[in-house]
Protein backbone atom coordinates (compact mmCIF):
# COMPACT_ATOMS: atom_id res chain seq x y z
CA MET A 1 -44.55 12.07 34.59
CA GLY A 2 -44.76 8.28 34.63
CA LYS A 3 -44.81 7.98 30.82
CA LYS A 4 -41.99 10.44 30.42
CA GLY A 5 -39.93 8.58 32.98
CA LYS A 6 -40.49 5.28 31.14
CA LYS A 7 -39.40 6.81 27.84
CA GLU A 8 -36.24 8.22 29.39
CA LYS A 9 -35.47 4.88 31.05
CA LYS A 10 -36.06 3.06 27.76
CA GLY A 11 -33.68 5.46 25.97
CA ARG A 12 -31.00 4.92 28.59
CA GLY A 13 -31.51 1.17 28.30
CA ALA A 14 -30.92 1.25 24.56
CA GLU A 15 -27.75 3.26 25.08
CA LYS A 16 -26.50 0.75 27.66
CA THR A 17 -27.25 -2.16 25.33
CA ALA A 18 -25.33 -0.50 22.50
CA ALA A 19 -22.41 0.23 24.81
CA LYS A 20 -22.34 -3.39 26.02
CA MET A 21 -22.39 -4.67 22.44
CA GLU A 22 -19.53 -2.36 21.45
CA LYS A 23 -17.51 -3.56 24.45
CA LYS A 24 -18.24 -7.20 23.58
CA VAL A 25 -17.25 -6.74 19.94
CA SER A 26 -14.15 -4.81 20.96
CA LYS A 27 -12.98 -7.58 23.34
CA ARG A 28 -13.35 -10.35 20.76
CA SER A 29 -11.91 -8.31 17.93
CA ARG A 30 -8.81 -7.46 20.00
CA LYS A 31 -7.99 -11.18 20.22
CA GLU A 32 -8.48 -11.64 16.47
CA GLU A 33 -6.45 -8.56 15.65
CA GLU A 34 -3.61 -9.77 17.87
CA ASP A 35 -3.57 -13.01 15.86
CA LEU A 36 -3.25 -11.03 12.63
CA GLU A 37 -0.49 -8.73 13.83
CA ALA A 38 2.25 -11.24 13.00
CA LEU A 39 1.00 -11.53 9.42
CA LEU A 40 0.73 -7.76 9.10
CA ALA A 41 4.24 -7.36 10.52
CA HIS A 42 5.52 -9.75 7.85
CA PHE A 43 3.95 -7.66 5.10
CA GLN A 44 5.25 -4.44 6.60
CA ALA A 45 8.76 -5.94 6.68
CA LEU A 46 8.43 -6.61 2.94
CA ASP A 47 7.29 -3.01 2.38
CA ALA A 48 10.24 -1.72 4.42
CA THR A 49 12.65 -3.11 1.83
CA LYS A 50 11.39 -0.52 -0.66
CA THR A 51 13.60 2.52 -0.25
CA GLN A 52 12.92 4.54 -3.40
CA VAL A 53 10.06 5.46 -5.69
CA VAL A 54 9.74 3.06 -8.63
CA GLU A 55 7.27 3.68 -11.45
CA THR A 56 6.69 0.77 -13.84
CA PRO A 57 4.40 0.76 -16.89
CA CYS A 58 2.06 -2.21 -16.53
CA PRO A 59 -1.09 -3.89 -17.84
CA PRO A 60 -4.41 -2.93 -16.21
CA PRO A 61 -4.58 -3.94 -12.52
CA SER A 62 -5.81 -7.42 -11.65
CA PRO A 63 -9.45 -7.77 -10.53
CA ARG A 64 -10.08 -6.33 -7.08
CA LEU A 65 -12.92 -5.06 -4.95
CA HIS A 66 -13.25 -2.26 -2.41
CA ALA A 67 -10.28 -0.30 -3.69
CA SER A 68 -10.45 3.50 -4.03
CA LEU A 69 -10.36 5.43 -7.32
CA SER A 70 -9.56 9.16 -7.23
CA ALA A 71 -8.94 11.87 -9.83
CA HIS A 72 -5.66 13.80 -9.63
CA PRO A 73 -6.42 17.53 -9.08
CA ASP A 74 -3.81 18.79 -11.57
CA LYS A 75 -2.92 15.93 -13.93
CA ASP A 76 -5.05 13.93 -16.37
CA GLU A 77 -4.68 10.96 -14.10
CA LEU A 78 -6.69 8.53 -11.95
CA ILE A 79 -5.26 6.96 -8.78
CA LEU A 80 -6.20 3.43 -7.68
CA PHE A 81 -5.23 2.21 -4.20
CA GLY A 82 -5.74 -0.98 -2.19
CA GLY A 83 -8.58 -3.47 -2.51
CA GLU A 84 -9.07 -7.20 -2.16
CA TYR A 85 -9.52 -10.27 -4.34
CA PHE A 86 -11.01 -13.71 -3.67
CA ASN A 87 -10.78 -16.69 -6.03
CA GLY A 88 -13.10 -19.09 -4.18
CA GLN A 89 -10.50 -20.31 -1.69
CA LYS A 90 -8.03 -17.55 -0.84
CA THR A 91 -8.32 -13.88 -0.01
CA SER A 92 -5.62 -11.41 -1.05
CA VAL A 93 -5.58 -7.83 0.26
CA TYR A 94 -3.52 -5.11 -1.43
CA ASN A 95 -1.76 -1.84 -0.70
CA GLU A 96 -0.63 -1.31 -4.28
CA LEU A 97 -0.86 2.09 -5.91
CA TYR A 98 -1.63 2.47 -9.62
CA THR A 99 -2.11 5.51 -11.81
CA TYR A 100 -4.05 5.62 -15.07
CA SER A 101 -3.04 8.23 -17.65
CA ILE A 102 -6.20 9.43 -19.37
CA ARG A 103 -4.37 10.93 -22.34
CA LYS A 104 -2.08 7.95 -22.91
CA ASP A 105 -4.66 5.31 -21.96
CA ALA A 106 -1.92 3.58 -19.95
CA TRP A 107 -1.46 2.18 -16.44
CA THR A 108 1.60 2.61 -14.20
CA LYS A 109 2.38 0.80 -10.95
CA VAL A 110 3.90 3.25 -8.45
CA GLU A 111 5.92 1.80 -5.56
CA ILE A 112 6.52 4.36 -2.80
CA PRO A 113 8.44 3.62 0.43
CA ASN A 114 6.54 3.22 3.73
CA PRO A 115 3.00 2.77 2.34
CA PRO A 116 -0.08 2.11 4.50
CA PRO A 117 -0.64 -1.55 5.42
CA ARG A 118 -2.74 -3.63 3.04
CA ARG A 119 -6.43 -2.83 3.23
CA CYS A 120 -9.80 -2.70 1.53
CA ALA A 121 -13.15 -0.97 2.22
CA HIS A 122 -11.26 2.16 3.32
CA GLN A 123 -12.12 5.73 2.33
CA ALA A 124 -9.92 7.99 0.20
CA VAL A 125 -10.46 11.73 -0.24
CA LEU A 126 -8.34 13.91 -2.51
CA VAL A 127 -7.79 17.60 -1.71
CA PRO A 128 -5.91 20.07 -3.97
CA GLN A 129 -3.65 21.82 -1.44
CA GLY A 130 0.09 21.19 -1.46
CA GLY A 131 0.12 19.91 -5.02
CA GLY A 132 -2.56 17.37 -4.18
CA GLN A 133 -3.06 15.19 -1.10
CA LEU A 134 -4.81 11.80 -0.98
CA TRP A 135 -6.15 11.20 2.53
CA ILE A 136 -6.98 7.62 3.56
CA PHE A 137 -8.73 6.46 6.72
CA GLY A 138 -9.59 3.03 8.08
CA GLY A 139 -10.63 -0.06 6.18
CA GLU A 140 -9.82 -3.65 6.96
CA PHE A 141 -7.38 -6.51 6.44
CA ALA A 142 -8.41 -10.17 6.33
CA SER A 143 -6.49 -13.37 6.87
CA PRO A 144 -5.98 -15.46 3.71
CA ASP A 145 -8.65 -17.93 4.86
CA GLY A 146 -11.06 -15.05 5.42
CA GLU A 147 -11.78 -16.10 9.00
CA GLN A 148 -10.29 -13.10 10.82
CA PHE A 149 -10.52 -9.35 10.29
CA TYR A 150 -8.39 -6.43 11.38
CA HIS A 151 -10.14 -3.04 11.27
CA TYR A 152 -7.88 -0.02 10.93
CA LYS A 153 -8.31 3.34 12.62
CA ASP A 154 -5.20 4.96 11.14
CA LEU A 155 -5.00 8.07 8.96
CA TRP A 156 -2.57 8.44 6.05
CA VAL A 157 -1.83 11.06 3.45
CA LEU A 158 -0.13 10.60 0.08
CA HIS A 159 1.64 13.78 -1.01
CA LEU A 160 1.24 13.64 -4.78
CA ALA A 161 3.80 16.34 -5.54
CA THR A 162 6.64 14.56 -3.72
CA LYS A 163 5.30 10.99 -4.02
CA THR A 164 5.67 10.32 -0.30
CA TRP A 165 3.40 8.57 2.21
CA GLU A 166 2.92 10.01 5.70
CA GLN A 167 1.03 8.54 8.63
CA VAL A 168 -0.72 11.28 10.57
CA ARG A 169 -0.92 10.35 14.23
CA ALA A 170 -3.79 12.27 15.80
CA THR A 171 -5.72 11.21 18.88
CA GLY A 172 -9.47 11.32 19.47
CA GLY A 173 -10.41 9.92 16.05
CA PRO A 174 -12.97 7.27 15.06
CA SER A 175 -12.65 3.67 16.19
CA GLY A 176 -11.49 1.02 13.73
CA ARG A 177 -14.08 0.38 11.01
CA SER A 178 -14.91 -0.42 7.39
CA GLY A 179 -17.72 0.69 5.10
CA HIS A 180 -17.67 4.22 6.50
CA ARG A 181 -17.92 7.29 4.27
CA MET A 182 -15.71 10.40 4.23
CA VAL A 183 -15.81 13.69 2.31
CA ALA A 184 -13.83 16.93 2.23
CA CYS A 185 -15.90 19.92 3.34
CA LYS A 186 -14.11 23.28 3.41
CA ARG A 187 -10.92 22.66 5.41
CA GLN A 188 -12.14 19.46 7.08
CA LEU A 189 -12.58 15.77 6.44
CA ILE A 190 -16.02 14.68 7.67
CA LEU A 191 -16.51 10.96 8.42
CA PHE A 192 -19.78 9.10 9.03
CA GLY A 193 -20.88 5.57 9.93
CA GLY A 194 -19.39 2.22 8.99
CA PHE A 195 -19.17 -1.06 10.90
CA HIS A 196 -16.80 -3.22 12.91
CA GLU A 197 -16.93 -6.99 13.01
CA SER A 198 -15.36 -9.90 14.85
CA THR A 199 -15.94 -13.56 14.04
CA ARG A 200 -19.24 -13.74 15.91
CA ASP A 201 -20.34 -10.17 16.59
CA TYR A 202 -20.71 -6.91 14.73
CA ILE A 203 -21.73 -3.32 15.31
CA TYR A 204 -22.81 -0.53 12.96
CA TYR A 205 -22.09 3.16 13.57
CA ASN A 206 -23.83 6.47 12.94
CA ASP A 207 -21.27 8.71 14.62
CA VAL A 208 -19.75 11.76 12.91
CA TYR A 209 -16.13 12.93 13.15
CA ALA A 210 -14.27 15.91 11.71
CA PHE A 211 -10.54 16.11 10.97
CA ASP A 212 -9.12 19.64 10.65
CA LEU A 213 -6.70 19.85 7.71
CA ASP A 214 -4.98 22.89 9.21
CA THR A 215 -4.43 21.75 12.80
CA PHE A 216 -4.37 17.97 12.10
CA THR A 217 -6.78 17.28 14.96
CA TRP A 218 -9.87 15.06 15.27
CA SER A 219 -13.11 16.10 16.93
CA ARG A 220 -16.33 14.16 17.40
CA LEU A 221 -19.38 16.07 16.24
CA CYS A 222 -22.65 15.83 18.13
CA PRO A 223 -25.26 17.16 15.69
CA SER A 224 -28.63 18.27 16.98
CA GLY A 225 -31.82 16.70 15.65
CA THR A 226 -32.56 13.11 14.67
CA GLY A 227 -30.03 11.69 12.26
CA PRO A 228 -29.64 8.43 10.32
CA THR A 229 -29.69 5.11 12.12
CA PRO A 230 -26.37 3.18 12.18
CA ARG A 231 -25.33 1.95 8.73
CA SER A 232 -22.50 1.39 6.28
CA GLY A 233 -22.13 1.85 2.53
CA CYS A 234 -24.30 4.96 2.27
CA GLN A 235 -24.09 7.91 -0.12
CA MET A 236 -22.24 10.87 1.40
CA SER A 237 -21.72 14.02 -0.65
CA VAL A 238 -21.26 17.76 -0.19
CA THR A 239 -23.85 20.19 -1.56
CA PRO A 240 -23.00 23.53 -3.24
CA GLN A 241 -24.31 25.21 -0.07
CA GLY A 242 -21.76 23.45 2.15
CA SER A 243 -24.12 20.89 3.69
CA ILE A 244 -23.66 17.11 3.60
CA VAL A 245 -26.20 14.65 2.21
CA ILE A 246 -26.53 11.09 3.54
CA TYR A 247 -28.64 8.65 1.52
CA GLY A 248 -29.35 4.94 1.90
CA GLY A 249 -26.86 2.38 3.11
CA TYR A 250 -27.05 -1.04 4.70
CA SER A 251 -27.25 -2.49 8.19
CA LYS A 252 -28.39 -5.72 9.78
CA GLN A 253 -29.81 -6.90 13.05
CA ARG A 254 -29.82 -10.23 14.82
CA VAL A 255 -33.42 -11.43 14.95
CA LYS A 256 -32.64 -14.72 16.67
CA LYS A 257 -29.66 -16.95 17.35
CA ASP A 258 -27.47 -17.24 14.25
CA VAL A 259 -30.07 -15.43 12.11
CA ASP A 260 -29.53 -11.86 10.94
CA ARG A 261 -31.83 -9.67 8.89
CA GLY A 262 -30.43 -6.97 6.63
CA THR A 263 -31.97 -3.59 5.86
CA GLN A 264 -31.43 -1.61 2.65
CA HIS A 265 -32.02 1.95 3.78
CA SER A 266 -33.61 4.47 1.42
CA ASP A 267 -33.99 7.47 3.73
CA MET A 268 -32.14 10.74 3.23
CA PHE A 269 -30.69 13.31 5.64
CA LEU A 270 -28.99 16.68 5.50
CA LEU A 271 -26.16 17.53 7.89
CA GLN A 272 -25.82 21.32 8.10
CA PRO A 273 -23.67 23.76 10.06
CA VAL A 274 -25.77 25.64 12.60
CA ASP A 275 -25.84 29.39 11.87
CA GLY A 276 -23.68 31.46 14.18
CA ARG A 277 -22.37 28.48 16.15
CA GLU A 278 -18.89 27.45 15.11
CA GLY A 279 -18.37 23.70 15.06
CA LYS A 280 -22.07 22.98 15.62
CA TRP A 281 -24.05 20.87 13.17
CA GLY A 282 -27.64 19.73 12.88
CA TRP A 283 -29.50 16.83 11.23
CA THR A 284 -32.62 17.30 9.09
CA ARG A 285 -34.51 14.51 7.33
CA ILE A 286 -35.39 15.39 3.73
CA ASN A 287 -37.78 13.89 1.17
CA PRO A 288 -36.65 14.75 -2.36
CA ALA A 289 -39.04 14.84 -5.29
CA GLY A 290 -38.48 13.24 -8.68
CA ALA A 291 -37.53 9.77 -9.92
CA LYS A 292 -35.92 8.27 -6.81
CA PRO A 293 -33.64 5.23 -7.07
CA THR A 294 -35.22 1.91 -6.16
CA PRO A 295 -34.06 0.52 -2.79
CA ARG A 296 -30.60 -1.02 -3.14
CA SER A 297 -27.20 -1.42 -1.54
CA GLY A 298 -23.70 -1.53 -2.97
CA PHE A 299 -24.28 1.50 -5.19
CA SER A 300 -21.44 3.81 -6.20
CA VAL A 301 -21.29 7.59 -5.91
CA ALA A 302 -19.49 10.49 -7.62
CA VAL A 303 -20.01 14.25 -7.92
CA THR A 304 -20.63 15.78 -11.36
CA PRO A 305 -19.12 19.06 -12.66
CA ASN A 306 -22.39 20.89 -11.89
CA HIS A 307 -22.29 19.65 -8.27
CA GLN A 308 -25.01 17.03 -8.63
CA THR A 309 -24.49 13.69 -6.93
CA LEU A 310 -24.37 10.73 -9.30
CA LEU A 311 -25.44 7.25 -8.19
CA PHE A 312 -24.64 4.13 -10.24
CA GLY A 313 -25.79 0.52 -10.04
CA GLY A 314 -25.94 -1.59 -6.90
CA VAL A 315 -27.97 -4.63 -5.97
CA CYS A 316 -31.57 -5.05 -4.84
CA ASP A 317 -31.75 -7.98 -2.45
CA GLN A 318 -34.64 -10.36 -1.94
CA GLU A 319 -33.90 -11.76 1.48
CA GLU A 320 -35.32 -14.90 3.06
CA GLU A 321 -34.33 -16.39 6.39
CA GLU A 322 -31.92 -18.90 4.85
CA SER A 323 -31.04 -17.28 1.53
CA LEU A 324 -30.32 -14.02 -0.23
CA GLU A 325 -30.81 -13.34 -3.93
CA GLY A 326 -29.98 -10.08 -5.63
CA ASP A 327 -30.85 -8.29 -8.85
CA PHE A 328 -27.80 -6.32 -9.94
CA LEU A 329 -28.28 -2.93 -11.59
CA ASN A 330 -26.42 -0.62 -13.97
CA ASP A 331 -28.71 2.40 -13.98
CA LEU A 332 -27.75 6.04 -13.34
CA HIS A 333 -29.46 8.52 -11.05
CA PHE A 334 -28.66 12.16 -10.28
CA TYR A 335 -29.52 14.10 -7.13
CA ASP A 336 -29.75 17.89 -7.46
CA ALA A 337 -29.37 19.32 -3.94
CA THR A 338 -30.31 22.84 -5.06
CA ARG A 339 -33.70 21.61 -6.25
CA ASN A 340 -33.89 18.69 -3.78
CA ARG A 341 -34.84 16.39 -6.63
CA TRP A 342 -33.78 13.05 -8.11
CA PHE A 343 -33.46 12.47 -11.87
CA ALA A 344 -33.03 9.19 -13.72
CA GLY A 345 -30.03 9.33 -16.04
CA GLN A 346 -31.04 8.69 -19.66
CA LEU A 347 -28.40 8.29 -22.35
CA LYS A 348 -29.15 9.86 -25.74
CA GLY A 349 -27.32 7.23 -27.78
CA PRO A 350 -24.71 7.67 -30.54
CA LYS A 351 -24.88 10.77 -32.75
CA SER A 352 -25.89 8.85 -35.88
CA GLU A 353 -28.81 7.30 -34.04
CA LYS A 354 -29.77 10.68 -32.59
CA LYS A 355 -30.03 12.25 -36.06
CA LYS A 356 -32.35 9.52 -37.24
CA ARG A 357 -34.55 10.03 -34.21
CA ARG A 358 -34.78 13.73 -34.95
CA ARG A 359 -36.05 12.95 -38.44
CA GLY A 360 -38.58 10.62 -36.93
CA ARG A 361 -39.79 13.31 -34.51
CA LYS A 362 -40.59 15.85 -37.21
CA ALA A 363 -43.86 14.09 -37.87
CA GLU A 364 -44.69 14.05 -34.16
CA PRO A 365 -43.61 17.39 -32.68
CA GLU A 366 -45.70 16.84 -29.56
CA GLY A 367 -43.64 13.80 -28.65
CA ALA A 368 -40.47 15.84 -28.58
CA ASP A 369 -41.83 18.00 -25.81
CA LYS A 370 -42.41 15.03 -23.57
CA GLN A 371 -38.82 13.94 -23.08
CA GLU A 372 -37.94 14.65 -19.47
CA ARG A 373 -34.49 14.72 -17.99
CA GLY A 374 -35.83 13.04 -14.90
CA GLY A 375 -37.36 10.16 -16.77
CA ALA A 376 -40.78 10.56 -15.19
CA GLY A 377 -42.37 10.30 -18.62
CA ALA A 378 -39.95 7.74 -19.97
CA GLN A 379 -40.71 4.15 -20.82
CA GLU A 380 -39.88 1.36 -18.40
CA PRO A 381 -36.27 0.12 -18.59
CA LEU A 382 -35.65 -2.92 -20.77
CA GLU A 383 -34.35 -6.05 -19.06
CA VAL A 384 -31.95 -8.21 -21.09
CA VAL A 385 -30.73 -11.62 -19.88
CA ARG A 386 -27.69 -13.27 -21.47
CA GLU A 387 -25.68 -16.35 -20.58
CA VAL A 388 -21.90 -16.80 -20.64
CA VAL A 389 -20.32 -20.26 -20.29
CA ALA A 390 -17.17 -20.28 -18.14
CA GLU A 391 -14.14 -22.49 -18.75
CA ASP A 392 -15.29 -24.93 -16.06
CA GLY A 393 -18.68 -25.27 -17.71
CA THR A 394 -20.54 -23.05 -15.27
CA VAL A 395 -23.27 -21.02 -16.91
CA VAL A 396 -23.06 -17.39 -15.76
CA THR A 397 -26.37 -15.57 -16.21
CA ILE A 398 -26.05 -11.79 -16.51
CA LYS A 399 -29.21 -9.75 -16.11
CA GLN A 400 -28.85 -6.29 -17.67
CA VAL A 401 -31.23 -3.35 -17.29
CA LEU A 402 -31.11 -0.99 -20.27
CA ALA A 403 -32.56 2.52 -20.26
CA ALA A 404 -35.49 2.92 -22.63
CA PRO A 405 -34.14 4.47 -25.85
CA VAL A 406 -37.42 6.10 -26.90
CA PRO A 407 -39.06 8.92 -24.89
CA ALA A 408 -42.66 8.45 -23.84
CA GLY A 409 -45.21 9.59 -26.36
CA GLN A 410 -42.82 9.21 -29.27
CA PRO A 411 -43.57 6.45 -31.79
CA GLN A 412 -40.48 4.69 -33.06
CA SER A 413 -39.55 5.98 -36.48
CA GLU A 414 -39.13 3.52 -39.30
CA GLU A 415 -35.72 5.09 -39.84
CA GLU A 416 -34.70 4.50 -36.23
CA ASP A 417 -32.50 1.48 -35.74
CA SER A 418 -32.72 -1.00 -32.90
CA PRO A 419 -29.46 -1.62 -31.01
CA ASP A 420 -28.77 -4.72 -33.11
CA GLU A 421 -29.49 -2.94 -36.38
CA ALA A 422 -27.34 0.00 -35.34
CA GLY A 423 -24.24 -2.17 -35.24
CA GLY A 424 -24.45 -4.57 -32.32
CA PRO A 425 -25.38 -4.47 -28.63
CA VAL A 426 -25.21 -1.29 -26.59
CA VAL A 427 -21.78 -0.66 -25.04
CA GLU A 428 -22.19 -0.11 -21.31
CA PRO A 429 -21.05 -1.58 -18.00
CA SER A 430 -22.82 -4.80 -17.08
CA PRO A 431 -25.02 -4.72 -13.97
CA ARG A 432 -22.85 -4.74 -10.84
CA SER A 433 -22.40 -3.48 -7.32
CA ASN A 434 -19.49 -1.65 -5.72
CA ALA A 435 -17.98 -0.20 -8.88
CA MET A 436 -15.31 2.45 -8.28
CA LEU A 437 -16.08 5.89 -9.74
CA ALA A 438 -14.10 9.08 -10.41
CA VAL A 439 -14.88 12.23 -12.43
CA LYS A 440 -12.25 14.15 -14.41
CA HIS A 441 -12.85 16.90 -17.00
CA GLY A 442 -16.57 16.19 -17.01
CA ARG A 443 -16.09 12.50 -17.74
CA LEU A 444 -17.18 9.70 -15.44
CA TYR A 445 -14.72 6.81 -15.14
CA LEU A 446 -16.00 3.48 -13.83
CA TYR A 447 -13.65 0.69 -12.76
CA GLY A 448 -14.59 -2.85 -11.78
CA GLY A 449 -17.23 -3.94 -9.31
CA MET A 450 -18.82 -7.35 -8.83
CA PHE A 451 -21.88 -9.47 -9.54
CA GLU A 452 -23.06 -12.91 -8.49
CA ALA A 453 -23.74 -15.98 -10.60
CA GLY A 454 -25.22 -18.71 -8.46
CA ASP A 455 -22.68 -19.59 -5.79
CA ARG A 456 -19.97 -17.62 -7.58
CA GLN A 457 -19.15 -13.97 -7.30
CA VAL A 458 -17.28 -12.36 -10.14
CA THR A 459 -14.93 -9.45 -9.51
CA LEU A 460 -14.46 -7.21 -12.53
CA SER A 461 -11.46 -5.17 -13.70
CA ASP A 462 -13.00 -3.41 -16.70
CA LEU A 463 -12.86 0.35 -17.25
CA TYR A 464 -15.58 2.52 -18.83
CA CYS A 465 -15.96 6.22 -19.54
CA LEU A 466 -19.06 8.42 -19.96
CA ASP A 467 -19.11 12.09 -21.03
CA LEU A 468 -21.44 13.68 -18.48
CA HIS A 469 -21.93 16.79 -20.62
CA LYS A 470 -23.11 14.92 -23.72
CA MET A 471 -24.71 11.90 -21.96
CA GLN A 472 -24.63 9.95 -25.22
CA GLU A 473 -23.01 6.57 -24.63
CA TRP A 474 -20.42 4.67 -22.61
CA THR A 475 -16.96 4.02 -24.03
CA ALA A 476 -15.19 0.76 -23.07
CA LEU A 477 -11.52 1.48 -22.31
CA VAL A 478 -10.72 -1.95 -20.84
CA GLU A 479 -13.04 -4.92 -21.39
CA VAL A 480 -13.04 -8.27 -19.58
CA ASP A 481 -14.76 -11.59 -20.22
CA PRO A 482 -16.36 -12.70 -16.92
CA GLY A 483 -16.80 -16.21 -18.27
CA ALA A 484 -13.03 -16.66 -18.58
CA GLN A 485 -12.30 -16.01 -14.91
CA GLU A 486 -10.90 -18.72 -12.65
CA TRP A 487 -13.02 -19.91 -9.75
CA LEU A 488 -11.76 -22.48 -7.23
CA GLU A 489 -14.54 -24.38 -5.53
CA ASP A 490 -14.49 -24.77 -1.76
CA THR A 491 -14.43 -28.56 -2.19
CA GLU A 492 -10.66 -28.41 -2.83
CA SER A 493 -8.51 -30.25 -0.30
CA GLU A 494 -7.40 -28.63 2.92
CA GLU A 495 -3.80 -29.01 1.78
CA ASP A 496 -4.43 -26.89 -1.30
CA SER A 497 -6.17 -24.24 0.78
CA ASP A 498 -3.29 -24.14 3.25
CA GLU A 499 -0.73 -23.78 0.48
CA ASP A 500 -2.72 -20.95 -1.07
CA ALA A 501 -3.00 -19.19 2.28
CA GLU A 502 0.76 -19.28 2.80
CA GLY A 503 1.66 -17.69 -0.51
CA GLY A 504 -1.51 -15.83 -1.35
CA SER A 505 -0.72 -12.33 -0.25
CA ASP A 506 2.91 -11.65 -1.02
CA ASP A 507 3.85 -8.98 -3.53
CA GLU A 508 4.22 -11.27 -6.53
CA ASP A 509 0.84 -12.90 -5.94
CA SER A 510 -1.06 -9.75 -5.16
CA GLY A 511 0.15 -7.84 -8.15
CA ASP A 512 -0.49 -10.24 -10.96
CA GLY A 513 -2.08 -13.35 -9.53
CA GLY A 514 -5.61 -12.09 -10.05
CA GLY A 515 -5.13 -11.01 -13.62
CA GLU A 516 -6.45 -14.23 -15.06
CA ALA A 517 -8.56 -15.18 -12.11
CA GLY A 518 -12.03 -14.05 -11.35
CA GLY A 519 -14.30 -12.65 -8.76
CA GLU A 520 -13.90 -11.51 -5.21
CA CYS A 521 -16.55 -13.73 -3.84
CA GLY A 522 -17.35 -16.55 -1.54
CA ALA A 523 -18.39 -20.13 -1.84
CA HIS A 524 -21.87 -19.41 -0.54
CA ALA A 525 -22.75 -16.14 -2.16
CA GLY A 526 -26.38 -15.87 -1.15
CA ALA A 527 -26.36 -17.01 2.45
CA GLY A 528 -22.90 -15.60 3.03
CA ARG A 529 -23.88 -12.05 2.16
CA GLN A 530 -26.72 -12.30 4.61
CA GLU A 531 -24.59 -13.72 7.39
CA THR A 532 -21.61 -11.39 7.29
CA HIS A 533 -22.44 -7.83 6.30
CA GLY A 534 -22.35 -8.50 2.65
CA ARG A 535 -19.33 -10.69 2.95
CA ALA A 536 -19.50 -13.96 1.12
CA ALA A 537 -18.83 -16.15 4.12
CA PRO A 538 -16.21 -16.64 5.29
CA GLU A 539 -14.45 -14.03 3.20
CA PRO A 540 -13.65 -10.47 4.31
CA SER A 541 -15.20 -8.38 1.59
CA THR A 542 -18.48 -6.54 1.81
CA PRO A 543 -19.47 -6.85 -1.83
CA CYS A 544 -22.98 -5.56 -1.50
CA ARG A 545 -22.76 -3.30 1.47
CA THR A 546 -19.71 -1.05 1.63
C-alpha cells in the first residue's frame, strides 16, 4: 500500500508541476502577446483594404520557412501559404497565398480579402468537400526583432471554389501553439502536440483534439494507454485502416539554470479508435521492422498514392552543453503501415543508366536478386562535401548524402557510368531540414527548407519533383544558388536594425524582399537552436524542430 501510495503521489506531483509551468508560461506570454497586438492590428488594417480577389502571375515566391504546401484536390495545382524569413537581422512573417500550376510550371499570387493574420509553423489540411477546403490552425507570429512571439489558437478555412477565407469560431479547442501536427481522418481534423513559448519559458504538449467537420465543434480526446511524451515536429499520418501514426519529434528540458537539453525522439505510436465505443481512442506503442530512419528532427512528411508515409531529410544534431552542430540529410524513407515496416528509398537513376546496368547484370544474375526495396542489402550511402563561396566571401560547406547507386552483391559494370561520366552531378535536393512536401498525381513536390553554414542559416526557395511510381530521379523545377544569398551580420548598428524592423513586414517587403536575400536563420545558429526550440536565437523560427 505504501509503495502504491508513493507512486500515486508522485504522479499527482508531476501533474501539478506541469500545470504550474503552463500557468507560468501563459502569464508571461499574455504580456508579450499584448505587446504584439498593436503590430498585428496594423497588419490587419492593411489586409482590410483588400476588397476583391486579385490573381497576379509572379516569379517563384521569395525564400521562406515554415509555410504550408498543399495539393489542390481537383486542379493540377499546389497551394503555398504563410511562412517566415530571416536575413540575419530582421524577421518577416507572411500571410501570402500562392498557387503553382503544375501543367504551366507557373506561379500566381492570390490576394483574397480578410485572410488569416501573418503566421508560420501552422498546420494546413486540405479536404475535398465543397470544391476543396484548406483548413489552417495555429502557428505563430514574431516581432521583427525576433524577441517576442504570439501563438495563435484560431481556426480558418479557405474555400477553394469561391476563393473566400472564413474564420471558424468554435470553443473548447487547443491552446495557442506552434509545431503541432494535424491530419484529416474521416470527417474530423485530429490535432496532436506542439509547443508554446514566451521569452523565458516554454512548454511542450502531447494532448489530442478532434474538430468535427460536420458540426464545427472541438472536443478533447483522452486516449487510453500510454502515449507519446510531449513533443513538436513529429510525423503524423493516417493509415489505410483509419488509425493515426505518430513518429519522432523534438522536445527539450531545462537541466539547470539557462541550460536546456534537447531530445530527438525516435519512438512510434499508433492512435486507434476503440471498437464499439464512439469517440474513444487508444494509444499503442509499435516497433516497426525494416530500415528505420536514423534519429533526426526537422524531417518532412507526405503520404504516397499507395498510402505509405514518406519521410524526407531533416537534421541529426550533436549537442553539447554550449553548442549544437547538425548533419543535414536528404534521404528518403517509407513507412508501410499495413506491414508495419520501414523501407529506405532508393532511386533507380535515369533510364539510360538503368539500361547499362542491366547489361552489366547479365553476367552476374545472382546480384540482381539481391536488390531490396528496403535497402537492407544496399551499400552505405555516399557522403559528398562541396564548398560554395558567397558574395561576402563566406565559405558555405554543403554536406550531401547520396544513395548508393549499385545494389549490394553487384559488381560495377565497365559499361556503367559514374555520375560525372553520365553527364554531371546527380540532380537532387541538397541536404536540408523543414522542406515543404506535397503529392499530386503520384509525384512528390519539394519546396524550400533550410540548412546551416557556420553561424549562418540558409533558407531555400527551390522546387523539385520526383515520380514516386518510377523512383528514377529528381527533376529541378526551380533552382537557387545558396552562395548568392544576402546575409546581414548581427554586428550592424542598432540604427540599421531599428530601420529594418519598422519596414520589414509590410506587404511590399514581405512579398519580394526575400527574393534576393538568403536564409531564415539566426546570428548564432548552433547555440541558438539549442536555446530556443530550434529557433536561431533570438529569431522566431523553429528551423530544426517544427
